[in-house]
Amino acid sequence: MNRLKYKKVINQPTNLMNNHTFLRLIDPVKDKMFRLALRLLISKEAAEDATQEVILKIWNRKDKVKDYANLEAFMISVTKNYCLDQLKARANNNLRIIHTNYDSNELSVHSQLELTDEMKHIERILKMLPEQQKIIFQLRDVEEYDYCEIAEITKMKEPAIRVTLSRARKKIKEELLKAHGYGIK
């Protein structure tokens, strides 16, 4: 749902904000919210719970939804903050960003094994990154958000986001080259 459609749905009188209207607002974003929660909380169950909690929070504030210029950025931001709060509460800093829902029946067993090993290696690399780099990497390279949207979500300036993303990519590249570039000069 593009931003213009959001505005159409949001700008209805608040007494008309019913379940159907609310679902039309949430549907295009709920999968992104779940994927972000899954990357941050690791557990599928915890990510589902987080997504439901955030949707419930937004439902409880449905009369204020029209006040947000970019509802999608707001929902992603609330999701991020909720997940970070959950992590602080559990004192769990083992964040994962890798999308593990990749499913392909076309790969041979050998290719699947190589892919699994590669994904585990990338997960280990991403665990070494600082939390801010993980989040920005997730939003830009996995979720494909624009820099201005990431700035809204993270409350950072665009140049700082670009620098942080560049550092994350550089570290990932260095670690992959270490693993795969042995013997190459």
C-alpha atoms as a PDB file:
ATOM      1  CA  MET A   1       0.000   0.000   0.000  1.00  0.00           C
ATOM      2  CA  ASN A   2       1.625   3.253  -1.024  1.00  0.00           C
ATOM      3  CA  ARG A   3       1.688   6.411   1.067  1.00  0.00           C
ATOM      4  CA  LEU A   4      -1.232   8.013  -0.813  1.00  0.00           C
ATOM      5  CA  LYS A   5      -3.483   5.063  -0.058  1.00  0.00           C
ATOM      6  CA  TYR A   6      -2.418   5.293   3.586  1.00  0.00           C
ATOM      7  CA  LYS A   7      -3.502   8.920   3.644  1.00  0.00           C
ATOM      8  CA  LYS A   8      -6.885   8.043   2.121  1.00  0.00           C
ATOM      9  CA  VAL A   9      -7.555   5.363   4.726  1.00  0.00           C
ATOM     10  CA  ILE A  10      -6.130   7.347   7.643  1.00  0.00           C
ATOM     11  CA  ASN A  11      -7.995  10.566   6.940  1.00  0.00           C
ATOM     12  CA  GLN A  12     -11.394   8.999   7.518  1.00  0.00           C
ATOM     13  CA  PRO A  13     -13.200  10.310  10.601  1.00  0.00           C
ATOM     14  CA  THR A  14     -11.983   8.454  13.694  1.00  0.00           C
ATOM     15  CA  ASN A  15     -15.401   7.024  14.418  1.00  0.00           C
ATOM     16  CA  LEU A  16     -15.181   5.215  11.073  1.00  0.00           C
ATOM     17  CA  MET A  17     -11.866   3.507  11.975  1.00  0.00           C
ATOM     18  CA  ASN A  18     -13.210  -0.013  12.223  1.00  0.00           C
ATOM     19  CA  ASN A  19     -11.567  -3.421  12.064  1.00  0.00           C
ATOM     20  CA  HIS A  20     -11.614  -3.511   8.265  1.00  0.00           C
ATOM     21  CA  THR A  21     -10.017  -0.067   7.910  1.00  0.00           C
ATOM     22  CA  PHE A  22      -7.413  -0.892  10.518  1.00  0.00           C
ATOM     23  CA  LEU A  23      -6.560  -4.180   8.804  1.00  0.00           C
ATOM     24  CA  ARG A  24      -6.120  -2.335   5.499  1.00  0.00           C
ATOM     25  CA  LEU A  25      -3.543  -0.130   7.230  1.00  0.00           C
ATOM     26  CA  ILE A  26      -1.708  -2.962   8.953  1.00  0.00           C
ATOM     27  CA  ASP A  27      -1.703  -5.631   6.213  1.00  0.00           C
ATOM     28  CA  PRO A  28       1.029  -4.160   3.994  1.00  0.00           C
ATOM     29  CA  VAL A  29       3.385  -3.658   6.936  1.00  0.00           C
ATOM     30  CA  LYS A  30       2.771  -6.585   9.278  1.00  0.00           C
ATOM     31  CA  ASP A  31       5.145  -8.931   7.417  1.00  0.00           C
ATOM     32  CA  LYS A  32       7.943  -6.362   7.590  1.00  0.00           C
ATOM     33  CA  MET A  33       7.237  -5.894  11.283  1.00  0.00           C
ATOM     34  CA  PHE A  34       7.416  -9.668  11.817  1.00  0.00           C
ATOM     35  CA  ARG A  35      10.679 -10.023   9.858  1.00  0.00           C
ATOM     36  CA  LEU A  36      12.309  -7.230  11.844  1.00  0.00           C
ATOM     37  CA  ALA A  37      11.089  -8.751  15.117  1.00  0.00           C
ATOM     38  CA  LEU A  38      12.366 -12.170  14.019  1.00  0.00           C
ATOM     39  CA  ARG A  39      15.821 -10.741  13.270  1.00  0.00           C
ATOM     40  CA  LEU A  40      15.996  -9.015  16.612  1.00  0.00           C
ATOM     41  CA  LEU A  41      14.373 -11.610  18.875  1.00  0.00           C
ATOM     42  CA  ILE A  42      15.586 -14.762  17.065  1.00  0.00           C
ATOM     43  CA  SER A  43      12.628 -16.891  18.179  1.00  0.00           C
ATOM     44  CA  LYS A  44       9.687 -17.211  15.796  1.00  0.00           C
ATOM     45  CA  GLU A  45       7.274 -17.334  18.722  1.00  0.00           C
ATOM     46  CA  ALA A  46       8.771 -14.227  20.324  1.00  0.00           C
ATOM     47  CA  ALA A  47       8.601 -12.417  16.972  1.00  0.00           C
ATOM     48  CA  GLU A  48       4.936 -13.366  16.544  1.00  0.00           C
ATOM     49  CA  ASP A  49       4.184 -12.169  20.071  1.00  0.00           C
ATOM     50  CA  ALA A  50       6.051  -8.918  19.477  1.00  0.00           C
ATOM     51  CA  THR A  51       4.200  -8.287  16.226  1.00  0.00           C
ATOM     52  CA  GLN A  52       0.859  -8.927  17.914  1.00  0.00           C
ATOM     53  CA  GLU A  53       1.747  -6.654  20.824  1.00  0.00           C
ATOM     54  CA  VAL A  54       2.757  -3.824  18.496  1.00  0.00           C
ATOM     55  CA  ILE A  55      -0.417  -4.208  16.427  1.00  0.00           C
ATOM     56  CA  LEU A  56      -2.427  -4.127  19.661  1.00  0.00           C
ATOM     57  CA  LYS A  57      -0.610  -0.962  20.770  1.00  0.00           C
ATOM     58  CA  ILE A  58      -1.370   0.681  17.431  1.00  0.00           C
ATOM     59  CA  TRP A  59      -5.019  -0.476  17.623  1.00  0.00           C
ATOM     60  CA  ASN A  60      -5.306   1.130  21.054  1.00  0.00           C
ATOM     61  CA  ARG A  61      -4.014   4.376  19.519  1.00  0.00           C
ATOM     62  CA  LYS A  62      -6.098   4.133  16.357  1.00  0.00           C
ATOM     63  CA  ASP A  63      -7.607   7.563  16.948  1.00  0.00           C
ATOM     64  CA  LYS A  64      -4.097   9.107  16.747  1.00  0.00           C
ATOM     65  CA  VAL A  65      -2.998   7.204  13.619  1.00  0.00           C
ATOM     66  CA  LYS A  66      -3.906  10.095  11.347  1.00  0.00           C
ATOM     67  CA  ASP A  67      -1.358  12.301  13.155  1.00  0.00           C
ATOM     68  CA  TYR A  68       1.617  10.331  11.822  1.00  0.00           C
ATOM     69  CA  ALA A  69       3.099  11.518   8.533  1.00  0.00           C
ATOM     70  CA  ASN A  70       4.564   8.106   7.699  1.00  0.00           C
ATOM     71  CA  LEU A  71       2.541   5.363   9.356  1.00  0.00           C
ATOM     72  CA  GLU A  72       4.744   2.545   8.043  1.00  0.00           C
ATOM     73  CA  ALA A  73       7.883   4.133   9.506  1.00  0.00           C
ATOM     74  CA  PHE A  74       6.019   4.630  12.788  1.00  0.00           C
ATOM     75  CA  MET A  75       4.939   0.971  12.929  1.00  0.00           C
ATOM     76  CA  ILE A  76       8.451  -0.273  12.135  1.00  0.00           C
ATOM     77  CA  SER A  77       9.867   2.112  14.725  1.00  0.00           C
ATOM     78  CA  VAL A  78       7.443   0.876  17.398  1.00  0.00           C
ATOM     79  CA  THR A  79       8.340  -2.721  16.475  1.00  0.00           C
ATOM     80  CA  LYS A  80      12.057  -1.999  16.729  1.00  0.00           C
ATOM     81  CA  ASN A  81      11.665  -0.270  20.086  1.00  0.00           C
ATOM     82  CA  TYR A  82       9.431  -3.018  21.481  1.00  0.00           C
ATOM     83  CA  CYS A  83      11.937  -5.706  20.447  1.00  0.00           C
ATOM     84  CA  LEU A  84      14.863  -3.790  21.908  1.00  0.00           C
ATOM     85  CA  ASP A  85      12.925  -3.428  25.155  1.00  0.00           C
ATOM     86  CA  GLN A  86      12.299  -7.184  25.162  1.00  0.00           C
ATOM     87  CA  LEU A  87      15.986  -7.855  24.595  1.00  0.00           C
ATOM     88  CA  LYS A  88      16.981  -5.554  27.431  1.00  0.00           C
ATOM     89  CA  ALA A  89      14.473  -7.252  29.697  1.00  0.00           C
ATOM     90  CA  ARG A  90      15.909 -10.668  28.877  1.00  0.00           C
ATOM     91  CA  ALA A  91      19.492  -9.399  28.782  1.00  0.00           C
ATOM     92  CA  ASN A  92      19.807 -11.194  25.468  1.00  0.00           C
ATOM     93  CA  ASN A  93      22.319  -9.610  23.120  1.00  0.00           C
ATOM     94  CA  ASN A  94      22.503 -12.500  20.682  1.00  0.00           C
ATOM     95  CA  LEU A  95      20.757 -10.774  17.811  1.00  0.00           C
ATOM     96  CA  ARG A  96      20.368 -12.403  14.437  1.00  0.00           C
ATOM     97  CA  ILE A  97      19.528 -10.659  11.217  1.00  0.00           C
ATOM     98  CA  ILE A  98      19.782 -13.395   8.626  1.00  0.00           C
ATOM     99  CA  HIS A  99      16.586 -14.295   6.874  1.00  0.00           C
ATOM    100  CA  THR A 100      16.236 -18.014   7.546  1.00  0.00           C
ATOM    101  CA  ASN A 101      12.917 -18.488   5.820  1.00  0.00           C
ATOM    102  CA  TYR A 102      14.686 -19.218   2.539  1.00  0.00           C
ATOM    103  CA  ASP A 103      13.180 -22.323   0.998  1.00  0.00           C
ATOM    104  CA  SER A 104      14.146 -23.748  -2.350  1.00  0.00           C
ATOM    105  CA  ASN A 105      13.355 -27.266  -3.538  1.00  0.00           C
ATOM    106  CA  GLU A 106      15.595 -26.857  -6.577  1.00  0.00           C
ATOM    107  CA  LEU A 107      18.926 -27.123  -4.748  1.00  0.00           C
ATOM    108  CA  SER A 108      20.821 -30.363  -4.428  1.00  0.00           C
ATOM    109  CA  VAL A 109      21.645 -31.708  -0.999  1.00  0.00           C
ATOM    110  CA  HIS A 110      25.251 -30.596  -1.451  1.00  0.00           C
ATOM    111  CA  SER A 111      24.174 -27.064  -2.447  1.00  0.00           C
ATOM    112  CA  GLN A 112      21.783 -26.897   0.479  1.00  0.00           C
ATOM    113  CA  LEU A 113      24.568 -27.928   2.848  1.00  0.00           C
ATOM    114  CA  GLU A 114      26.892 -25.275   1.402  1.00  0.00           C
ATOM    115  CA  LEU A 115      24.164 -22.654   1.676  1.00  0.00           C
ATOM    116  CA  THR A 116      23.436 -23.630   5.278  1.00  0.00           C
ATOM    117  CA  ASP A 117      27.128 -23.378   6.160  1.00  0.00           C
ATOM    118  CA  GLU A 118      27.381 -20.012   4.422  1.00  0.00           C
ATOM    119  CA  MET A 119      24.305 -18.671   6.227  1.00  0.00           C
ATOM    120  CA  LYS A 120      25.716 -19.816   9.580  1.00  0.00           C
ATOM    121  CA  HIS A 121      28.993 -18.103   8.750  1.00  0.00           C
ATOM    122  CA  ILE A 122      27.186 -14.871   7.862  1.00  0.00           C
ATOM    123  CA  GLU A 123      25.157 -15.125  11.089  1.00  0.00           C
ATOM    124  CA  ARG A 124      28.418 -15.360  13.051  1.00  0.00           C
ATOM    125  CA  ILE A 125      29.759 -12.313  11.224  1.00  0.00           C
ATOM    126  CA  LEU A 126      26.581 -10.342  11.897  1.00  0.00           C
ATOM    127  CA  LYS A 127      26.678 -11.260  15.590  1.00  0.00           C
ATOM    128  CA  MET A 128      30.035  -9.483  15.787  1.00  0.00           C
ATOM    129  CA  LEU A 129      28.557  -6.221  14.473  1.00  0.00           C
ATOM    130  CA  PRO A 130      27.435  -3.531  16.894  1.00  0.00           C
ATOM    131  CA  GLU A 131      23.660  -3.413  17.438  1.00  0.00           C
ATOM    132  CA  GLN A 132      23.209  -0.163  15.509  1.00  0.00           C
ATOM    133  CA  GLN A 133      24.995  -1.585  12.466  1.00  0.00           C
ATOM    134  CA  LYS A 134      22.818  -4.705  12.612  1.00  0.00           C
ATOM    135  CA  ILE A 135      19.619  -2.688  12.654  1.00  0.00           C
ATOM    136  CA  ILE A 136      20.662  -0.370   9.835  1.00  0.00           C
ATOM    137  CA  PHE A 137      21.930  -3.296   7.761  1.00  0.00           C
ATOM    138  CA  GLN A 138      18.606  -5.071   8.326  1.00  0.00           C
ATOM    139  CA  LEU A 139      16.492  -2.059   7.372  1.00  0.00           C
ATOM    140  CA  ARG A 140      18.515  -1.057   4.299  1.00  0.00           C
ATOM    141  CA  ASP A 141      19.851  -4.281   2.789  1.00  0.00           C
ATOM    142  CA  VAL A 142      17.207  -6.792   3.867  1.00  0.00           C
ATOM    143  CA  GLU A 143      14.007  -4.735   4.138  1.00  0.00           C
ATOM    144  CA  GLU A 144      15.151  -2.272   1.429  1.00  0.00           C
ATOM    145  CA  TYR A 145      14.074   0.920   3.185  1.00  0.00           C
ATOM    146  CA  ASP A 146      15.181   4.303   1.846  1.00  0.00           C
ATOM    147  CA  TYR A 147      17.681   6.297   3.856  1.00  0.00           C
ATOM    148  CA  CYS A 148      15.031   8.881   4.768  1.00  0.00           C
ATOM    149  CA  GLU A 149      12.763   6.137   6.141  1.00  0.00           C
ATOM    150  CA  ILE A 150      15.636   4.649   8.139  1.00  0.00           C
ATOM    151  CA  ALA A 151      16.335   8.133   9.505  1.00  0.00           C
ATOM    152  CA  GLU A 152      12.727   8.364  10.717  1.00  0.00           C
ATOM    153  CA  ILE A 153      12.872   4.924  12.306  1.00  0.00           C
ATOM    154  CA  THR A 154      16.276   5.233  13.987  1.00  0.00           C
ATOM    155  CA  LYS A 155      16.209   8.987  14.677  1.00  0.00           C
ATOM    156  CA  MET A 156      19.638   9.269  13.028  1.00  0.00           C
ATOM    157  CA  LYS A 157      20.795  11.644  10.313  1.00  0.00           C
ATOM    158  CA  GLU A 158      21.186  10.238   6.807  1.00  0.00           C
ATOM    159  CA  PRO A 159      24.994  10.770   6.613  1.00  0.00           C
ATOM    160  CA  ALA A 160      25.405   8.862   9.886  1.00  0.00           C
ATOM    161  CA  ILE A 161      23.234   6.053   8.502  1.00  0.00           C
ATOM    162  CA  ARG A 162      25.355   5.854   5.347  1.00  0.00           C
ATOM    163  CA  VAL A 163      28.569   5.717   7.387  1.00  0.00           C
ATOM    164  CA  THR A 164      27.176   3.059   9.721  1.00  0.00           C
ATOM    165  CA  LEU A 165      25.922   0.953   6.806  1.00  0.00           C
ATOM    166  CA  SER A 166      29.246   1.316   5.017  1.00  0.00           C
ATOM    167  CA  ARG A 167      31.112   0.116   8.098  1.00  0.00           C
ATOM    168  CA  ALA A 168      28.793  -2.861   8.494  1.00  0.00           C
ATOM    169  CA  ARG A 169      29.191  -3.856   4.835  1.00  0.00           C
ATOM    170  CA  LYS A 170      32.966  -3.405   5.024  1.00  0.00           C
ATOM    171  CA  LYS A 171      33.215  -5.654   8.091  1.00  0.00           C
ATOM    172  CA  ILE A 172      31.005  -8.316   6.476  1.00  0.00           C
ATOM    173  CA  LYS A 173      33.115  -8.194   3.300  1.00  0.00           C
ATOM    174  CA  GLU A 174      36.386  -8.439   5.240  1.00  0.00           C
ATOM    175  CA  GLU A 175      35.194 -11.453   7.198  1.00  0.00           C
ATOM    176  CA  LEU A 176      33.865 -13.204   4.086  1.00  0.00           C
ATOM    177  CA  LEU A 177      37.145 -12.592   2.269  1.00  0.00           C
ATOM    178  CA  LYS A 178      39.040 -14.020   5.236  1.00  0.00           C
ATOM    179  CA  ALA A 179      36.949 -17.167   5.055  1.00  0.00           C
ATOM    180  CA  HIS A 180      36.824 -17.576   1.277  1.00  0.00           C
ATOM    181  CA  GLY A 181      39.880 -15.728   0.088  1.00  0.00           C
ATOM    182  CA  TYR A 182      42.558 -17.872   1.641  1.00  0.00           C
ATOM    183  CA  GLY A 183      45.502 -18.188  -0.741  1.00  0.00           C
ATOM    184  CA  ILE A 184      44.339 -15.215  -2.813  1.00  0.00           C
ATOM    185  CA  LYS A 185      46.417 -12.051  -2.766  1.00  0.00           C
END
